[in-house]
Amino acid sequence: MRWRDVRAVLFDLDGTLLDSAPDLGHAANVLRERRGLAPLPLDAYRPHASSGARGMLAVGLGLGPDDAEFEAAKAEYLQVYEQVMLQRTAPFDGVLELAQRLQALALPWGVVTNKIERFALPIAARVHPLPAAAVVIGGDTTPHAKPHPAPLHEAARRLGVAPAHCIYVGDDERDIVAGRAAGMRTVAACYGYLGQDNAVARWGADAHIDHPLELLNFLDLP
């Protein structure tokens, strides 16, 4: 299967382009250390990395949004994460080459993430290959975050490409829900942070990939 009318490719960030779990988990361990708790291994945090601060606080401190301490802990967590978010984060294997291939094809690509601009923009400016992205949309760029389609529509608008001619790649069900709602083709990144008890086959993605470079198999390459 090849899609012949693709004019742009959009990606989720954490768990799709970048392995940011080491920094996300480290920030949670800093909070544990401040509370006299031993650090948890990265493997405990990795399946929940796509959930951001909410996932890290659930694992690291056992806190959820309904807990009275949650908002204060979240603010503390984000402050710590901002200080460490560029220390261990790196692109997944194959992402650099994929970006180079897309650029060689003159196919614009960009990022649509629920990570707010406070974090998404500095990361996009400093972690390769993200500085080459044609557009970066954060979780607070529009009034709605994924799974609402608004961030994806905004990315397509900035690129000047109709949503029907875009692919959206993500590692979480909300990515596929958002992509479908936006009228884009959707690809599930099965190498990312799929979490526990995942059911990727039921997400309704148009395609699945186990490595970033497999995305090229769906493009009509010259």
N, C-alpha and C. Protein backbone atom coordinates (compact mmCIF):
# COMPACT_ATOMS: atom_id res chain seq x y z
N MET A 1 0.85 -1.20 0.00
CA MET A 1 0.00 0.00 0.00
C MET A 1 0.88 1.24 0.00
N ARG A 2 0.64 2.10 -1.00
CA ARG A 2 1.34 3.38 -1.06
C ARG A 2 0.33 4.50 -1.25
N TRP A 3 0.55 5.60 -0.55
CA TRP A 3 -0.33 6.76 -0.66
C TRP A 3 0.32 7.75 -1.62
N ARG A 4 -0.37 8.04 -2.71
CA ARG A 4 0.23 8.81 -3.80
C ARG A 4 0.00 10.32 -3.68
N ASP A 5 -0.84 10.74 -2.75
CA ASP A 5 -1.17 12.16 -2.69
C ASP A 5 -0.73 12.82 -1.39
N VAL A 6 0.31 12.29 -0.75
CA VAL A 6 0.81 12.86 0.50
C VAL A 6 1.63 14.11 0.21
N ARG A 7 1.29 15.20 0.90
CA ARG A 7 2.00 16.47 0.71
C ARG A 7 2.75 16.91 1.97
N ALA A 8 2.48 16.25 3.10
CA ALA A 8 3.16 16.60 4.36
C ALA A 8 3.01 15.46 5.35
N VAL A 9 3.97 15.37 6.26
CA VAL A 9 3.94 14.35 7.31
C VAL A 9 4.08 15.06 8.65
N LEU A 10 3.16 14.74 9.56
CA LEU A 10 3.18 15.30 10.91
C LEU A 10 3.42 14.19 11.91
N PHE A 11 4.14 14.51 12.98
CA PHE A 11 4.52 13.53 13.98
C PHE A 11 4.16 14.02 15.38
N ASP A 12 3.77 13.08 16.23
CA ASP A 12 3.79 13.32 17.66
C ASP A 12 5.26 13.44 18.08
N LEU A 13 5.52 13.90 19.27
CA LEU A 13 6.89 14.12 19.71
C LEU A 13 7.40 13.00 20.61
N ASP A 14 6.94 12.99 21.87
CA ASP A 14 7.42 11.99 22.83
C ASP A 14 6.93 10.60 22.43
N GLY A 15 7.85 9.68 22.27
CA GLY A 15 7.49 8.32 21.95
C GLY A 15 7.34 8.06 20.46
N THR A 16 7.43 9.10 19.65
CA THR A 16 7.32 8.94 18.20
C THR A 16 8.61 9.41 17.52
N LEU A 17 9.02 10.64 17.79
CA LEU A 17 10.29 11.13 17.28
C LEU A 17 11.39 11.02 18.33
N LEU A 18 11.04 11.34 19.57
CA LEU A 18 12.06 11.41 20.63
C LEU A 18 11.81 10.41 21.74
N ASP A 19 12.91 9.84 22.23
CA ASP A 19 12.87 9.04 23.45
C ASP A 19 13.18 9.98 24.60
N SER A 20 12.13 10.56 25.15
CA SER A 20 12.28 11.53 26.24
C SER A 20 12.02 10.92 27.60
N ALA A 21 11.72 9.63 27.63
CA ALA A 21 11.42 8.97 28.91
C ALA A 21 12.55 9.11 29.93
N PRO A 22 13.82 9.05 29.54
CA PRO A 22 14.87 9.19 30.56
C PRO A 22 14.81 10.51 31.32
N ASP A 23 14.53 11.62 30.62
CA ASP A 23 14.43 12.91 31.31
C ASP A 23 13.13 13.02 32.09
N LEU A 24 12.05 12.52 31.51
CA LEU A 24 10.76 12.56 32.22
C LEU A 24 10.83 11.75 33.51
N GLY A 25 11.41 10.56 33.43
CA GLY A 25 11.54 9.71 34.60
C GLY A 25 12.50 10.28 35.62
N HIS A 26 13.59 10.86 35.13
CA HIS A 26 14.57 11.46 36.06
C HIS A 26 13.93 12.57 36.87
N ALA A 27 13.11 13.40 36.23
CA ALA A 27 12.45 14.49 36.95
C ALA A 27 11.55 13.94 38.05
N ALA A 28 10.87 12.83 37.75
CA ALA A 28 10.02 12.21 38.77
C ALA A 28 10.85 11.67 39.92
N ASN A 29 12.02 11.12 39.60
CA ASN A 29 12.89 10.61 40.66
C ASN A 29 13.45 11.73 41.53
N VAL A 30 13.64 12.90 40.95
CA VAL A 30 14.07 14.04 41.76
C VAL A 30 13.02 14.35 42.83
N LEU A 31 11.74 14.30 42.43
CA LEU A 31 10.67 14.53 43.40
C LEU A 31 10.64 13.43 44.46
N ARG A 32 10.90 12.20 44.05
CA ARG A 32 10.95 11.11 45.01
C ARG A 32 12.10 11.33 46.00
N GLU A 33 13.24 11.73 45.49
CA GLU A 33 14.40 11.96 46.36
C GLU A 33 14.10 13.05 47.38
N ARG A 34 13.42 14.10 46.94
CA ARG A 34 13.07 15.19 47.86
C ARG A 34 12.15 14.73 48.98
N ARG A 35 11.46 13.63 48.74
CA ARG A 35 10.52 13.09 49.72
C ARG A 35 11.09 11.89 50.46
N GLY A 36 12.38 11.66 50.29
CA GLY A 36 13.04 10.57 51.00
C GLY A 36 12.75 9.20 50.43
N LEU A 37 12.37 9.15 49.15
CA LEU A 37 12.05 7.88 48.50
C LEU A 37 13.17 7.47 47.56
N ALA A 38 13.36 6.17 47.42
CA ALA A 38 14.37 5.66 46.51
C ALA A 38 13.94 5.86 45.06
N PRO A 39 14.89 6.05 44.15
CA PRO A 39 14.52 6.22 42.74
C PRO A 39 13.94 4.94 42.15
N LEU A 40 13.08 5.11 41.17
CA LEU A 40 12.52 3.97 40.44
C LEU A 40 13.30 3.77 39.14
N PRO A 41 13.35 2.55 38.63
CA PRO A 41 14.05 2.31 37.37
C PRO A 41 13.30 2.93 36.20
N LEU A 42 14.01 3.24 35.13
CA LEU A 42 13.41 3.84 33.95
C LEU A 42 12.29 2.98 33.39
N ASP A 43 12.44 1.66 33.47
CA ASP A 43 11.42 0.77 32.93
C ASP A 43 10.06 0.98 33.59
N ALA A 44 10.06 1.49 34.83
CA ALA A 44 8.79 1.75 35.50
C ALA A 44 8.08 2.96 34.89
N TYR A 45 8.86 3.91 34.41
CA TYR A 45 8.30 5.14 33.86
C TYR A 45 7.99 5.05 32.36
N ARG A 46 8.80 4.31 31.62
CA ARG A 46 8.74 4.34 30.16
C ARG A 46 7.34 4.11 29.59
N PRO A 47 6.57 3.11 30.05
CA PRO A 47 5.26 2.88 29.44
C PRO A 47 4.28 4.03 29.62
N HIS A 48 4.60 4.95 30.54
CA HIS A 48 3.67 6.03 30.85
C HIS A 48 4.18 7.39 30.36
N ALA A 49 5.26 7.37 29.60
CA ALA A 49 5.89 8.63 29.22
C ALA A 49 5.02 9.50 28.33
N SER A 50 4.17 8.88 27.50
CA SER A 50 3.30 9.68 26.63
C SER A 50 2.27 10.48 27.42
N SER A 51 2.05 10.12 28.68
CA SER A 51 1.09 10.85 29.50
C SER A 51 1.71 12.04 30.22
N GLY A 52 3.01 12.28 29.98
CA GLY A 52 3.65 13.46 30.52
C GLY A 52 3.67 13.50 32.03
N ALA A 53 3.47 14.71 32.59
CA ALA A 53 3.54 14.89 34.05
C ALA A 53 2.52 14.02 34.76
N ARG A 54 1.34 13.89 34.18
CA ARG A 54 0.31 13.07 34.82
C ARG A 54 0.78 11.62 34.98
N GLY A 55 1.38 11.07 33.93
CA GLY A 55 1.87 9.70 34.00
C GLY A 55 3.03 9.55 34.94
N MET A 56 3.94 10.51 34.92
CA MET A 56 5.12 10.42 35.78
C MET A 56 4.75 10.55 37.25
N LEU A 57 3.79 11.41 37.57
CA LEU A 57 3.37 11.56 38.97
C LEU A 57 2.58 10.34 39.45
N ALA A 58 1.85 9.72 38.53
CA ALA A 58 1.12 8.51 38.91
C ALA A 58 2.09 7.40 39.29
N VAL A 59 3.16 7.25 38.51
CA VAL A 59 4.15 6.21 38.79
C VAL A 59 5.05 6.60 39.96
N GLY A 60 5.58 7.82 39.90
CA GLY A 60 6.59 8.23 40.87
C GLY A 60 6.06 8.50 42.26
N LEU A 61 4.86 9.09 42.34
CA LEU A 61 4.33 9.48 43.66
C LEU A 61 2.95 8.89 43.94
N GLY A 62 2.40 8.14 43.00
CA GLY A 62 1.09 7.56 43.20
C GLY A 62 -0.01 8.60 43.27
N LEU A 63 0.19 9.73 42.59
CA LEU A 63 -0.78 10.82 42.62
C LEU A 63 -1.56 10.90 41.32
N GLY A 64 -2.86 11.20 41.43
CA GLY A 64 -3.70 11.42 40.28
C GLY A 64 -4.35 12.78 40.35
N PRO A 65 -4.96 13.24 39.27
CA PRO A 65 -5.56 14.58 39.22
C PRO A 65 -6.59 14.84 40.32
N ASP A 66 -7.18 13.82 40.88
CA ASP A 66 -8.18 14.02 41.93
C ASP A 66 -7.57 14.18 43.31
N ASP A 67 -6.27 13.96 43.44
CA ASP A 67 -5.62 14.09 44.74
C ASP A 67 -5.35 15.56 45.07
N ALA A 68 -5.50 15.91 46.33
CA ALA A 68 -5.34 17.29 46.75
C ALA A 68 -3.93 17.82 46.48
N GLU A 69 -2.94 16.93 46.54
CA GLU A 69 -1.54 17.36 46.36
C GLU A 69 -1.12 17.42 44.90
N PHE A 70 -2.01 17.00 43.98
CA PHE A 70 -1.59 16.81 42.59
C PHE A 70 -1.10 18.09 41.93
N GLU A 71 -1.85 19.17 42.02
CA GLU A 71 -1.49 20.39 41.28
C GLU A 71 -0.16 20.96 41.77
N ALA A 72 0.07 20.94 43.08
CA ALA A 72 1.35 21.45 43.60
C ALA A 72 2.49 20.55 43.15
N ALA A 73 2.27 19.23 43.18
CA ALA A 73 3.30 18.30 42.74
C ALA A 73 3.56 18.45 41.25
N LYS A 74 2.51 18.69 40.47
CA LYS A 74 2.67 18.88 39.03
C LYS A 74 3.51 20.12 38.74
N ALA A 75 3.23 21.22 39.43
CA ALA A 75 4.01 22.44 39.23
C ALA A 75 5.48 22.22 39.59
N GLU A 76 5.71 21.50 40.69
CA GLU A 76 7.08 21.18 41.10
C GLU A 76 7.74 20.30 40.05
N TYR A 77 7.01 19.31 39.58
CA TYR A 77 7.56 18.39 38.57
C TYR A 77 7.95 19.15 37.30
N LEU A 78 7.09 20.00 36.82
CA LEU A 78 7.37 20.72 35.57
C LEU A 78 8.57 21.65 35.72
N GLN A 79 8.73 22.23 36.91
CA GLN A 79 9.89 23.07 37.15
C GLN A 79 11.18 22.26 37.07
N VAL A 80 11.16 21.07 37.66
CA VAL A 80 12.34 20.20 37.59
C VAL A 80 12.57 19.72 36.17
N TYR A 81 11.50 19.30 35.51
CA TYR A 81 11.63 18.79 34.14
C TYR A 81 12.23 19.84 33.21
N GLU A 82 11.82 21.08 33.36
CA GLU A 82 12.34 22.15 32.51
C GLU A 82 13.86 22.28 32.64
N GLN A 83 14.38 21.95 33.81
CA GLN A 83 15.82 22.05 34.04
C GLN A 83 16.60 20.89 33.44
N VAL A 84 15.93 19.75 33.24
CA VAL A 84 16.66 18.54 32.82
C VAL A 84 16.22 18.01 31.46
N MET A 85 15.27 18.66 30.80
CA MET A 85 14.60 18.06 29.65
C MET A 85 15.49 17.87 28.43
N LEU A 86 16.68 18.46 28.43
CA LEU A 86 17.58 18.31 27.29
C LEU A 86 18.81 17.47 27.63
N GLN A 87 18.83 16.84 28.77
CA GLN A 87 20.02 16.12 29.21
C GLN A 87 20.12 14.71 28.62
N ARG A 88 19.00 14.00 28.53
CA ARG A 88 19.03 12.60 28.14
C ARG A 88 18.12 12.29 26.95
N THR A 89 17.35 13.26 26.52
CA THR A 89 16.40 13.06 25.43
C THR A 89 17.13 12.97 24.10
N ALA A 90 16.74 12.02 23.27
CA ALA A 90 17.40 11.80 21.99
C ALA A 90 16.40 11.21 20.99
N PRO A 91 16.66 11.38 19.70
CA PRO A 91 15.76 10.79 18.71
C PRO A 91 15.84 9.27 18.72
N PHE A 92 14.74 8.63 18.42
CA PHE A 92 14.75 7.18 18.26
C PHE A 92 15.62 6.80 17.06
N ASP A 93 16.14 5.61 17.10
CA ASP A 93 16.92 5.09 15.98
C ASP A 93 16.09 5.18 14.70
N GLY A 94 16.67 5.76 13.67
CA GLY A 94 16.01 5.88 12.39
C GLY A 94 15.35 7.22 12.14
N VAL A 95 15.12 8.01 13.19
CA VAL A 95 14.43 9.29 13.03
C VAL A 95 15.27 10.28 12.24
N LEU A 96 16.56 10.36 12.52
CA LEU A 96 17.42 11.29 11.79
C LEU A 96 17.42 10.96 10.30
N GLU A 97 17.56 9.69 9.98
CA GLU A 97 17.57 9.29 8.57
C GLU A 97 16.22 9.55 7.92
N LEU A 98 15.14 9.29 8.64
CA LEU A 98 13.82 9.54 8.10
C LEU A 98 13.65 11.03 7.77
N ALA A 99 14.06 11.90 8.68
CA ALA A 99 13.96 13.33 8.42
C ALA A 99 14.78 13.73 7.20
N GLN A 100 15.95 13.16 7.07
CA GLN A 100 16.80 13.46 5.91
C GLN A 100 16.14 13.01 4.61
N ARG A 101 15.51 11.84 4.65
CA ARG A 101 14.83 11.32 3.46
C ARG A 101 13.65 12.21 3.08
N LEU A 102 12.88 12.63 4.06
CA LEU A 102 11.73 13.50 3.78
C LEU A 102 12.19 14.82 3.20
N GLN A 103 13.28 15.37 3.74
CA GLN A 103 13.81 16.61 3.22
C GLN A 103 14.33 16.43 1.79
N ALA A 104 14.96 15.30 1.51
CA ALA A 104 15.46 15.05 0.16
C ALA A 104 14.31 14.94 -0.84
N LEU A 105 13.15 14.49 -0.35
CA LEU A 105 11.96 14.39 -1.20
C LEU A 105 11.19 15.70 -1.29
N ALA A 106 11.71 16.73 -0.59
CA ALA A 106 11.02 18.03 -0.52
C ALA A 106 9.62 17.87 0.04
N LEU A 107 9.48 16.94 0.99
CA LEU A 107 8.20 16.68 1.64
C LEU A 107 8.23 17.33 3.02
N PRO A 108 7.50 18.40 3.24
CA PRO A 108 7.56 19.07 4.55
C PRO A 108 7.04 18.17 5.66
N TRP A 109 7.65 18.32 6.84
CA TRP A 109 7.22 17.54 8.00
C TRP A 109 7.21 18.46 9.22
N GLY A 110 6.42 18.05 10.20
CA GLY A 110 6.33 18.88 11.39
C GLY A 110 5.90 18.08 12.60
N VAL A 111 5.75 18.78 13.71
CA VAL A 111 5.46 18.17 15.00
C VAL A 111 4.15 18.72 15.55
N VAL A 112 3.30 17.82 16.02
CA VAL A 112 2.08 18.20 16.75
C VAL A 112 2.07 17.39 18.03
N THR A 113 2.28 18.06 19.16
CA THR A 113 2.44 17.40 20.44
C THR A 113 1.52 18.01 21.48
N ASN A 114 1.19 17.26 22.50
CA ASN A 114 0.46 17.82 23.64
C ASN A 114 1.40 18.45 24.66
N LYS A 115 2.70 18.34 24.44
CA LYS A 115 3.66 19.03 25.31
C LYS A 115 3.50 20.53 25.08
N ILE A 116 3.30 21.30 26.12
CA ILE A 116 3.04 22.72 25.94
C ILE A 116 4.27 23.42 25.35
N GLU A 117 4.03 24.59 24.75
CA GLU A 117 5.10 25.30 24.04
C GLU A 117 6.29 25.62 24.94
N ARG A 118 6.04 25.83 26.21
CA ARG A 118 7.12 26.12 27.16
C ARG A 118 8.22 25.08 27.08
N PHE A 119 7.85 23.84 26.79
CA PHE A 119 8.82 22.75 26.68
C PHE A 119 9.05 22.34 25.23
N ALA A 120 7.99 22.31 24.44
CA ALA A 120 8.10 21.81 23.07
C ALA A 120 9.01 22.67 22.21
N LEU A 121 8.91 23.98 22.32
CA LEU A 121 9.69 24.84 21.43
C LEU A 121 11.19 24.80 21.73
N PRO A 122 11.62 24.85 23.00
CA PRO A 122 13.06 24.71 23.25
C PRO A 122 13.62 23.36 22.80
N ILE A 123 12.85 22.30 23.01
CA ILE A 123 13.30 20.98 22.57
C ILE A 123 13.40 20.94 21.05
N ALA A 124 12.40 21.49 20.38
CA ALA A 124 12.39 21.49 18.92
C ALA A 124 13.55 22.32 18.35
N ALA A 125 13.98 23.31 19.11
CA ALA A 125 15.07 24.17 18.63
C ALA A 125 16.44 23.55 18.82
N ARG A 126 16.55 22.55 19.71
CA ARG A 126 17.89 22.09 20.09
C ARG A 126 18.15 20.61 19.87
N VAL A 127 17.13 19.80 19.71
CA VAL A 127 17.34 18.36 19.56
C VAL A 127 17.17 17.99 18.08
N HIS A 128 18.25 17.57 17.45
CA HIS A 128 18.18 17.21 16.03
C HIS A 128 17.41 15.91 15.87
N PRO A 129 16.60 15.84 14.77
CA PRO A 129 16.53 16.74 13.61
C PRO A 129 15.43 17.79 13.72
N LEU A 130 14.93 18.07 14.92
CA LEU A 130 13.74 18.91 15.05
C LEU A 130 13.91 20.34 14.55
N PRO A 131 15.11 20.94 14.60
CA PRO A 131 15.21 22.30 14.05
C PRO A 131 14.81 22.40 12.58
N ALA A 132 14.81 21.26 11.87
CA ALA A 132 14.42 21.27 10.46
C ALA A 132 12.92 21.15 10.25
N ALA A 133 12.17 20.96 11.33
CA ALA A 133 10.72 20.82 11.20
C ALA A 133 10.11 22.09 10.64
N ALA A 134 9.14 21.92 9.73
CA ALA A 134 8.51 23.07 9.09
C ALA A 134 7.48 23.73 10.00
N VAL A 135 6.99 23.01 10.99
CA VAL A 135 6.01 23.54 11.91
C VAL A 135 6.09 22.77 13.22
N VAL A 136 5.88 23.45 14.34
CA VAL A 136 5.81 22.81 15.66
C VAL A 136 4.58 23.35 16.37
N ILE A 137 3.65 22.47 16.67
CA ILE A 137 2.42 22.84 17.36
C ILE A 137 2.43 22.18 18.73
N GLY A 138 2.30 23.00 19.79
CA GLY A 138 2.28 22.48 21.15
C GLY A 138 0.87 22.27 21.66
N GLY A 139 0.78 21.73 22.86
CA GLY A 139 -0.50 21.43 23.44
C GLY A 139 -1.33 22.66 23.78
N ASP A 140 -0.68 23.83 23.83
CA ASP A 140 -1.40 25.07 24.13
C ASP A 140 -1.33 26.07 22.98
N THR A 141 -0.92 25.61 21.80
CA THR A 141 -0.88 26.50 20.63
C THR A 141 -2.29 26.88 20.21
N THR A 142 -3.22 25.93 20.29
CA THR A 142 -4.63 26.18 19.98
C THR A 142 -5.43 26.02 21.28
N PRO A 143 -6.69 26.38 21.27
CA PRO A 143 -7.49 26.24 22.50
C PRO A 143 -7.70 24.80 22.92
N HIS A 144 -7.40 23.84 22.05
CA HIS A 144 -7.64 22.44 22.35
C HIS A 144 -6.37 21.63 22.14
N ALA A 145 -6.21 20.57 22.94
CA ALA A 145 -5.12 19.62 22.76
C ALA A 145 -5.70 18.33 22.18
N LYS A 146 -4.82 17.48 21.68
CA LYS A 146 -5.29 16.17 21.21
C LYS A 146 -5.95 15.41 22.37
N PRO A 147 -7.01 14.67 22.09
CA PRO A 147 -7.45 14.14 20.79
C PRO A 147 -8.31 15.06 19.95
N HIS A 148 -8.49 16.31 20.34
CA HIS A 148 -9.20 17.25 19.48
C HIS A 148 -8.39 17.48 18.21
N PRO A 149 -9.03 17.63 17.07
CA PRO A 149 -8.29 17.80 15.81
C PRO A 149 -7.71 19.19 15.60
N ALA A 150 -8.05 20.16 16.44
CA ALA A 150 -7.62 21.54 16.21
C ALA A 150 -6.12 21.70 16.03
N PRO A 151 -5.26 21.07 16.86
CA PRO A 151 -3.82 21.25 16.66
C PRO A 151 -3.34 20.73 15.30
N LEU A 152 -3.94 19.64 14.83
CA LEU A 152 -3.56 19.09 13.53
C LEU A 152 -4.03 19.99 12.40
N HIS A 153 -5.23 20.53 12.53
CA HIS A 153 -5.72 21.47 11.53
C HIS A 153 -4.84 22.72 11.48
N GLU A 154 -4.38 23.19 12.64
CA GLU A 154 -3.50 24.36 12.66
C GLU A 154 -2.17 24.06 11.98
N ALA A 155 -1.63 22.87 12.20
CA ALA A 155 -0.38 22.50 11.55
C ALA A 155 -0.56 22.47 10.03
N ALA A 156 -1.65 21.87 9.57
CA ALA A 156 -1.91 21.81 8.13
C ALA A 156 -2.09 23.21 7.55
N ARG A 157 -2.78 24.07 8.30
CA ARG A 157 -2.99 25.44 7.84
C ARG A 157 -1.66 26.17 7.67
N ARG A 158 -0.77 26.02 8.66
CA ARG A 158 0.52 26.70 8.58
C ARG A 158 1.37 26.16 7.44
N LEU A 159 1.20 24.89 7.13
CA LEU A 159 1.95 24.29 6.03
C LEU A 159 1.32 24.60 4.67
N GLY A 160 0.08 25.04 4.68
CA GLY A 160 -0.61 25.28 3.42
C GLY A 160 -0.99 24.00 2.70
N VAL A 161 -1.25 22.94 3.48
CA VAL A 161 -1.59 21.64 2.92
C VAL A 161 -2.94 21.21 3.46
N ALA A 162 -3.81 20.71 2.61
CA ALA A 162 -5.11 20.23 3.06
C ALA A 162 -4.92 19.02 3.97
N PRO A 163 -5.69 18.89 5.06
CA PRO A 163 -5.55 17.74 5.96
C PRO A 163 -5.61 16.40 5.25
N ALA A 164 -6.40 16.30 4.21
CA ALA A 164 -6.53 15.03 3.49
C ALA A 164 -5.23 14.60 2.83
N HIS A 165 -4.30 15.54 2.68
CA HIS A 165 -3.01 15.23 2.06
C HIS A 165 -1.89 15.10 3.09
N CYS A 166 -2.27 14.97 4.37
CA CYS A 166 -1.29 14.84 5.45
C CYS A 166 -1.35 13.44 6.06
N ILE A 167 -0.22 12.99 6.56
CA ILE A 167 -0.13 11.79 7.40
C ILE A 167 0.18 12.26 8.81
N TYR A 168 -0.47 11.64 9.81
CA TYR A 168 -0.09 11.91 11.20
C TYR A 168 0.37 10.61 11.85
N VAL A 169 1.55 10.66 12.45
CA VAL A 169 2.19 9.49 13.06
C VAL A 169 2.26 9.70 14.57
N GLY A 170 1.78 8.72 15.35
CA GLY A 170 1.82 8.86 16.80
C GLY A 170 1.81 7.52 17.50
N ASP A 171 2.17 7.54 18.78
CA ASP A 171 2.31 6.29 19.54
C ASP A 171 1.24 6.14 20.61
N ASP A 172 0.20 6.98 20.56
CA ASP A 172 -0.85 6.91 21.57
C ASP A 172 -2.20 6.92 20.86
N GLU A 173 -3.19 6.30 21.49
CA GLU A 173 -4.51 6.23 20.85
C GLU A 173 -5.06 7.62 20.55
N ARG A 174 -4.78 8.59 21.43
CA ARG A 174 -5.32 9.93 21.18
C ARG A 174 -4.74 10.53 19.90
N ASP A 175 -3.53 10.12 19.51
CA ASP A 175 -2.96 10.59 18.25
C ASP A 175 -3.78 10.10 17.07
N ILE A 176 -4.16 8.85 17.11
CA ILE A 176 -4.93 8.27 16.02
C ILE A 176 -6.33 8.86 15.99
N VAL A 177 -6.93 9.04 17.17
CA VAL A 177 -8.26 9.66 17.24
C VAL A 177 -8.20 11.08 16.66
N ALA A 178 -7.19 11.84 17.03
CA ALA A 178 -7.05 13.21 16.54
C ALA A 178 -6.82 13.24 15.04
N GLY A 179 -5.94 12.36 14.57
CA GLY A 179 -5.64 12.33 13.14
C GLY A 179 -6.86 11.99 12.32
N ARG A 180 -7.61 11.00 12.77
CA ARG A 180 -8.82 10.61 12.03
C ARG A 180 -9.84 11.73 12.05
N ALA A 181 -10.00 12.39 13.21
CA ALA A 181 -10.95 13.49 13.32
C ALA A 181 -10.55 14.67 12.43
N ALA A 182 -9.24 14.81 12.22
CA ALA A 182 -8.74 15.90 11.38
C ALA A 182 -8.84 15.57 9.89
N GLY A 183 -9.18 14.34 9.56
CA GLY A 183 -9.27 13.94 8.16
C GLY A 183 -7.95 13.57 7.55
N MET A 184 -7.00 13.16 8.39
CA MET A 184 -5.68 12.76 7.92
C MET A 184 -5.53 11.25 7.92
N ARG A 185 -4.61 10.74 7.14
CA ARG A 185 -4.22 9.34 7.26
C ARG A 185 -3.42 9.20 8.55
N THR A 186 -3.57 8.08 9.22
CA THR A 186 -2.93 7.91 10.52
C THR A 186 -2.04 6.68 10.53
N VAL A 187 -0.91 6.81 11.24
CA VAL A 187 0.06 5.72 11.37
C VAL A 187 0.41 5.56 12.84
N ALA A 188 0.25 4.36 13.36
CA ALA A 188 0.59 4.06 14.75
C ALA A 188 2.07 3.68 14.85
N ALA A 189 2.81 4.41 15.68
CA ALA A 189 4.23 4.13 15.90
C ALA A 189 4.35 3.09 17.00
N CYS A 190 4.48 1.85 16.62
CA CYS A 190 4.44 0.75 17.59
C CYS A 190 5.75 0.58 18.34
N TYR A 191 6.76 1.36 18.01
CA TYR A 191 8.03 1.29 18.73
C TYR A 191 8.05 2.26 19.90
N GLY A 192 7.01 3.07 20.06
CA GLY A 192 7.01 4.14 21.05
C GLY A 192 6.48 3.72 22.40
N TYR A 193 5.91 4.68 23.12
CA TYR A 193 5.46 4.45 24.49
C TYR A 193 4.01 3.99 24.47
N LEU A 194 3.78 2.76 24.11
CA LEU A 194 2.41 2.28 23.94
C LEU A 194 1.72 1.97 25.26
N GLY A 195 2.46 1.94 26.33
CA GLY A 195 1.86 1.72 27.63
C GLY A 195 1.51 0.27 27.88
N GLN A 196 0.86 0.04 28.99
CA GLN A 196 0.49 -1.31 29.38
C GLN A 196 -0.94 -1.60 28.92
N ASP A 197 -1.21 -2.88 28.63
CA ASP A 197 -2.54 -3.30 28.20
C ASP A 197 -3.00 -2.53 26.98
N ASN A 198 -2.05 -2.23 26.08
CA ASN A 198 -2.43 -1.49 24.88
C ASN A 198 -3.13 -2.41 23.88
N ALA A 199 -3.93 -1.82 23.06
CA ALA A 199 -4.67 -2.56 22.04
C ALA A 199 -4.58 -1.77 20.74
N VAL A 200 -3.38 -1.69 20.20
CA VAL A 200 -3.12 -0.84 19.04
C VAL A 200 -4.02 -1.21 17.86
N ALA A 201 -4.30 -2.48 17.70
CA ALA A 201 -5.10 -2.92 16.57
C ALA A 201 -6.50 -2.32 16.59
N ARG A 202 -6.96 -1.93 17.77
CA ARG A 202 -8.31 -1.37 17.89
C ARG A 202 -8.34 0.15 17.77
N TRP A 203 -7.19 0.77 17.60
CA TRP A 203 -7.15 2.22 17.50
C TRP A 203 -7.76 2.73 16.19
N GLY A 204 -7.71 1.91 15.17
CA GLY A 204 -8.25 2.32 13.88
C GLY A 204 -7.27 3.06 13.00
N ALA A 205 -5.97 2.91 13.25
CA ALA A 205 -4.96 3.55 12.41
C ALA A 205 -4.97 2.95 11.01
N ASP A 206 -4.60 3.76 10.04
CA ASP A 206 -4.54 3.27 8.66
C ASP A 206 -3.34 2.35 8.44
N ALA A 207 -2.31 2.51 9.26
CA ALA A 207 -1.11 1.68 9.11
C ALA A 207 -0.37 1.64 10.44
N HIS A 208 0.53 0.66 10.57
CA HIS A 208 1.35 0.50 11.77
C HIS A 208 2.81 0.36 11.34
N ILE A 209 3.72 0.93 12.12
CA ILE A 209 5.14 0.77 11.84
C ILE A 209 5.86 0.38 13.11
N ASP A 210 6.89 -0.46 12.95
CA ASP A 210 7.70 -0.91 14.07
C ASP A 210 9.06 -0.22 14.11
N HIS A 211 9.31 0.65 13.15
CA HIS A 211 10.57 1.40 13.07
C HIS A 211 10.27 2.66 12.27
N PRO A 212 10.85 3.80 12.63
CA PRO A 212 10.53 5.03 11.91
C PRO A 212 10.70 4.94 10.40
N LEU A 213 11.74 4.28 9.91
CA LEU A 213 11.99 4.23 8.47
C LEU A 213 10.93 3.45 7.71
N GLU A 214 10.14 2.64 8.41
CA GLU A 214 9.07 1.90 7.73
C GLU A 214 8.00 2.84 7.17
N LEU A 215 7.95 4.07 7.67
CA LEU A 215 7.00 5.03 7.13
C LEU A 215 7.21 5.24 5.63
N LEU A 216 8.45 5.14 5.19
CA LEU A 216 8.76 5.36 3.77
C LEU A 216 8.06 4.34 2.88
N ASN A 217 7.70 3.19 3.44
CA ASN A 217 7.04 2.17 2.63
C ASN A 217 5.65 2.60 2.17
N PHE A 218 5.09 3.61 2.82
CA PHE A 218 3.73 4.06 2.47
C PHE A 218 3.72 5.30 1.59
N LEU A 219 4.91 5.80 1.27
CA LEU A 219 5.00 6.99 0.43
C LEU A 219 5.33 6.59 -1.00
N ASP A 220 4.78 7.33 -1.94
CA ASP A 220 5.03 7.07 -3.36
C ASP A 220 6.31 7.78 -3.74
N LEU A 221 7.43 7.07 -3.55
CA LEU A 221 8.74 7.69 -3.74
C LEU A 221 9.18 7.67 -5.20
N PRO A 222 9.90 8.69 -5.64
CA PRO A 222 10.39 8.71 -7.01
C PRO A 222 11.50 7.69 -7.22
